[in-house]
Amino acid sequence: MNQRISHISLLVSDYDEAIEFYVNHLNFELVEDTQLEDGKRWVLVKPIGKDNFSLLLAKAKNDHQKTRIGNQTGGRVFLFLNTDDIERDFDNLIEHNIEIVRPLKEEAYGKVLVFKDLYGNLWDLIEPAISNP
């Protein structure tokens, strides 16, 4: 058996605003932006790297969904982004005025900080500790 999660849906208020943030501020790659019926779009973004996992940017379509934008996990960290250089990415967050919620610190598993995306979702940015075999 071979299974994997390929996408996770992230509620957004506007496709283009979300694409601009993830591509131009977090340096993600735009994988696909396909127009569908009724003004919907299939928009996938992903961190640059080898992993095929991506975020499906899903525009909220009703009042109930709109209440969930930025709070899909009840205020807990929602997404975990690993990096090979947290200082580089920290500088990028600062350069783009992205809010750092918990400052950079060293943990047993590596260096970590928490930031908010443009909608308020919390992200862990992690540079994993290098384990010595």
C-alpha atoms as a PDB file:
ATOM      1  CA  MET A   1       0.000   0.000   0.000  1.00  0.00           C
ATOM      2  CA  ASN A   2       1.253   3.475  -0.868  1.00  0.00           C
ATOM      3  CA  GLN A   3      -0.623   6.530   0.373  1.00  0.00           C
ATOM      4  CA  ARG A   4       0.285  10.160   0.926  1.00  0.00           C
ATOM      5  CA  ILE A   5      -1.451  13.458   1.465  1.00  0.00           C
ATOM      6  CA  SER A   6      -0.931  15.554  -1.647  1.00  0.00           C
ATOM      7  CA  HIS A   7      -2.823  18.774  -0.799  1.00  0.00           C
ATOM      8  CA  ILE A   8      -4.441  20.479   2.138  1.00  0.00           C
ATOM      9  CA  SER A   9      -7.153  23.055   1.595  1.00  0.00           C
ATOM     10  CA  LEU A  10      -6.534  26.512   3.042  1.00  0.00           C
ATOM     11  CA  LEU A  11      -9.464  28.917   3.139  1.00  0.00           C
ATOM     12  CA  VAL A  12      -8.675  32.341   1.696  1.00  0.00           C
ATOM     13  CA  SER A  13     -10.729  35.446   1.006  1.00  0.00           C
ATOM     14  CA  ASP A  14      -9.218  36.170  -2.411  1.00  0.00           C
ATOM     15  CA  TYR A  15      -7.238  33.977  -4.806  1.00  0.00           C
ATOM     16  CA  ASP A  16      -4.919  36.660  -6.173  1.00  0.00           C
ATOM     17  CA  GLU A  17      -4.192  38.152  -2.742  1.00  0.00           C
ATOM     18  CA  ALA A  18      -3.294  34.693  -1.419  1.00  0.00           C
ATOM     19  CA  ILE A  19      -1.125  33.850  -4.445  1.00  0.00           C
ATOM     20  CA  GLU A  20       0.719  37.156  -4.062  1.00  0.00           C
ATOM     21  CA  PHE A  21       1.431  36.457  -0.383  1.00  0.00           C
ATOM     22  CA  TYR A  22       2.559  32.854  -0.714  1.00  0.00           C
ATOM     23  CA  VAL A  23       4.589  33.348  -3.903  1.00  0.00           C
ATOM     24  CA  ASN A  24       6.061  36.816  -3.367  1.00  0.00           C
ATOM     25  CA  HIS A  25       6.378  36.892   0.422  1.00  0.00           C
ATOM     26  CA  LEU A  26       6.972  33.286   1.467  1.00  0.00           C
ATOM     27  CA  ASN A  27       8.767  32.391  -1.786  1.00  0.00           C
ATOM     28  CA  PHE A  28       6.440  29.484  -2.548  1.00  0.00           C
ATOM     29  CA  GLU A  29       6.034  28.211  -6.078  1.00  0.00           C
ATOM     30  CA  LEU A  30       2.745  28.569  -7.958  1.00  0.00           C
ATOM     31  CA  VAL A  31       2.079  25.032  -9.152  1.00  0.00           C
ATOM     32  CA  GLU A  32      -1.293  25.541 -10.819  1.00  0.00           C
ATOM     33  CA  ASP A  33      -3.968  28.191 -11.309  1.00  0.00           C
ATOM     34  CA  THR A  34      -6.832  26.776 -13.333  1.00  0.00           C
ATOM     35  CA  GLN A  35     -10.154  28.530 -13.887  1.00  0.00           C
ATOM     36  CA  LEU A  36     -13.169  26.369 -13.015  1.00  0.00           C
ATOM     37  CA  GLU A  37     -16.911  26.995 -13.307  1.00  0.00           C
ATOM     38  CA  ASP A  38     -18.761  29.621 -11.241  1.00  0.00           C
ATOM     39  CA  GLY A  39     -15.669  31.762 -10.638  1.00  0.00           C
ATOM     40  CA  LYS A  40     -13.858  29.006  -8.775  1.00  0.00           C
ATOM     41  CA  ARG A  41     -10.192  28.290  -9.372  1.00  0.00           C
ATOM     42  CA  TRP A  42      -7.930  25.343  -8.651  1.00  0.00           C
ATOM     43  CA  VAL A  43      -4.913  27.099  -7.129  1.00  0.00           C
ATOM     44  CA  LEU A  44      -1.967  25.127  -5.784  1.00  0.00           C
ATOM     45  CA  VAL A  45       1.134  26.618  -4.151  1.00  0.00           C
ATOM     46  CA  LYS A  46       4.029  24.804  -2.534  1.00  0.00           C
ATOM     47  CA  PRO A  47       7.320  25.511  -0.835  1.00  0.00           C
ATOM     48  CA  ILE A  48      10.291  25.301  -3.157  1.00  0.00           C
ATOM     49  CA  GLY A  49      11.922  21.916  -2.812  1.00  0.00           C
ATOM     50  CA  LYS A  50      11.535  18.259  -3.659  1.00  0.00           C
ATOM     51  CA  ASP A  51       8.324  17.582  -1.741  1.00  0.00           C
ATOM     52  CA  ASN A  52       5.149  17.302  -3.815  1.00  0.00           C
ATOM     53  CA  PHE A  53       2.857  18.435  -0.994  1.00  0.00           C
ATOM     54  CA  SER A  54       0.964  21.643  -1.777  1.00  0.00           C
ATOM     55  CA  LEU A  55      -1.663  23.982  -0.407  1.00  0.00           C
ATOM     56  CA  LEU A  56      -4.941  24.252  -2.270  1.00  0.00           C
ATOM     57  CA  LEU A  57      -5.998  27.880  -1.902  1.00  0.00           C
ATOM     58  CA  ALA A  58      -9.774  27.649  -1.569  1.00  0.00           C
ATOM     59  CA  LYS A  59     -11.811  30.845  -1.686  1.00  0.00           C
ATOM     60  CA  ALA A  60     -14.469  30.863   1.029  1.00  0.00           C
ATOM     61  CA  LYS A  61     -17.857  30.834  -0.663  1.00  0.00           C
ATOM     62  CA  ASN A  62     -20.333  31.485   2.148  1.00  0.00           C
ATOM     63  CA  ASP A  63     -20.568  33.239   5.511  1.00  0.00           C
ATOM     64  CA  HIS A  64     -19.855  30.068   7.468  1.00  0.00           C
ATOM     65  CA  GLN A  65     -16.637  29.396   5.545  1.00  0.00           C
ATOM     66  CA  LYS A  66     -15.615  33.052   5.820  1.00  0.00           C
ATOM     67  CA  THR A  67     -15.676  32.754   9.627  1.00  0.00           C
ATOM     68  CA  ARG A  68     -13.014  30.041   9.359  1.00  0.00           C
ATOM     69  CA  ILE A  69     -10.491  32.035   7.318  1.00  0.00           C
ATOM     70  CA  GLY A  70      -7.365  32.365   9.426  1.00  0.00           C
ATOM     71  CA  ASN A  71      -8.659  30.123  12.177  1.00  0.00           C
ATOM     72  CA  GLN A  72      -9.027  26.654  10.742  1.00  0.00           C
ATOM     73  CA  THR A  73      -7.468  25.108  13.872  1.00  0.00           C
ATOM     74  CA  GLY A  74      -8.986  27.159  16.680  1.00  0.00           C
ATOM     75  CA  GLY A  75      -5.870  29.264  17.225  1.00  0.00           C
ATOM     76  CA  ARG A  76      -3.305  26.451  17.285  1.00  0.00           C
ATOM     77  CA  VAL A  77      -0.344  26.231  14.940  1.00  0.00           C
ATOM     78  CA  PHE A  78      -1.805  24.969  11.682  1.00  0.00           C
ATOM     79  CA  LEU A  79       1.099  24.313   9.340  1.00  0.00           C
ATOM     80  CA  PHE A  80       4.729  23.284   9.833  1.00  0.00           C
ATOM     81  CA  LEU A  81       7.293  24.495   7.321  1.00  0.00           C
ATOM     82  CA  ASN A  82      10.776  22.983   7.472  1.00  0.00           C
ATOM     83  CA  THR A  83      13.722  24.962   6.152  1.00  0.00           C
ATOM     84  CA  ASP A  84      17.413  24.461   5.570  1.00  0.00           C
ATOM     85  CA  ASP A  85      18.216  28.031   6.728  1.00  0.00           C
ATOM     86  CA  ILE A  86      15.949  29.591   9.345  1.00  0.00           C
ATOM     87  CA  GLU A  87      17.989  32.790   9.601  1.00  0.00           C
ATOM     88  CA  ARG A  88      17.543  33.440   5.845  1.00  0.00           C
ATOM     89  CA  ASP A  89      13.820  32.782   6.117  1.00  0.00           C
ATOM     90  CA  PHE A  90      13.520  34.853   9.296  1.00  0.00           C
ATOM     91  CA  ASP A  91      15.110  37.797   7.456  1.00  0.00           C
ATOM     92  CA  ASN A  92      12.614  37.275   4.622  1.00  0.00           C
ATOM     93  CA  LEU A  93       9.678  37.343   7.060  1.00  0.00           C
ATOM     94  CA  ILE A  94      10.952  40.592   8.576  1.00  0.00           C
ATOM     95  CA  GLU A  95      11.573  42.108   5.133  1.00  0.00           C
ATOM     96  CA  HIS A  96       7.943  41.391   4.171  1.00  0.00           C
ATOM     97  CA  ASN A  97       6.505  42.619   7.505  1.00  0.00           C
ATOM     98  CA  ILE A  98       5.150  39.182   8.375  1.00  0.00           C
ATOM     99  CA  GLU A  99       4.201  38.995  12.039  1.00  0.00           C
ATOM    100  CA  ILE A 100       6.431  36.823  14.213  1.00  0.00           C
ATOM    101  CA  VAL A 101       4.259  35.464  17.028  1.00  0.00           C
ATOM    102  CA  ARG A 102       6.945  33.520  18.910  1.00  0.00           C
ATOM    103  CA  PRO A 103      10.581  34.496  18.424  1.00  0.00           C
ATOM    104  CA  LEU A 104      13.311  32.256  17.126  1.00  0.00           C
ATOM    105  CA  LYS A 105      14.516  29.786  19.735  1.00  0.00           C
ATOM    106  CA  GLU A 106      16.493  26.600  20.004  1.00  0.00           C
ATOM    107  CA  GLU A 107      14.639  23.381  20.881  1.00  0.00           C
ATOM    108  CA  ALA A 108      15.837  19.779  21.112  1.00  0.00           C
ATOM    109  CA  TYR A 109      14.456  19.132  17.600  1.00  0.00           C
ATOM    110  CA  GLY A 110      15.984  22.275  16.060  1.00  0.00           C
ATOM    111  CA  LYS A 111      15.446  26.012  15.685  1.00  0.00           C
ATOM    112  CA  VAL A 112      11.841  27.221  15.534  1.00  0.00           C
ATOM    113  CA  LEU A 113       9.731  30.345  15.336  1.00  0.00           C
ATOM    114  CA  VAL A 114       6.017  30.930  14.858  1.00  0.00           C
ATOM    115  CA  PHE A 115       4.606  33.402  12.334  1.00  0.00           C
ATOM    116  CA  LYS A 116       1.192  34.406  11.039  1.00  0.00           C
ATOM    117  CA  ASP A 117       0.236  34.282   7.389  1.00  0.00           C
ATOM    118  CA  LEU A 118      -1.817  37.076   5.827  1.00  0.00           C
ATOM    119  CA  TYR A 119      -5.046  35.613   7.236  1.00  0.00           C
ATOM    120  CA  GLY A 120      -3.771  34.929  10.754  1.00  0.00           C
ATOM    121  CA  ASN A 121      -3.066  31.197  10.443  1.00  0.00           C
ATOM    122  CA  LEU A 122      -0.157  30.197  12.660  1.00  0.00           C
ATOM    123  CA  TRP A 123       2.862  28.472  11.123  1.00  0.00           C
ATOM    124  CA  ASP A 124       5.884  26.857  12.737  1.00  0.00           C
ATOM    125  CA  LEU A 125       9.052  27.556  10.754  1.00  0.00           C
ATOM    126  CA  ILE A 126      11.548  24.857  11.718  1.00  0.00           C
ATOM    127  CA  GLU A 127      15.165  24.219  10.888  1.00  0.00           C
ATOM    128  CA  PRO A 128      15.527  20.637  12.121  1.00  0.00           C
ATOM    129  CA  ALA A 129      18.530  19.761  14.243  1.00  0.00           C
ATOM    130  CA  ILE A 130      21.108  17.717  12.387  1.00  0.00           C
ATOM    131  CA  SER A 131      21.358  14.372  14.064  1.00  0.00           C
ATOM    132  CA  ASN A 132      24.729  12.688  14.213  1.00  0.00           C
ATOM    133  CA  PRO A 133      24.543   8.944  13.479  1.00  0.00           C
END
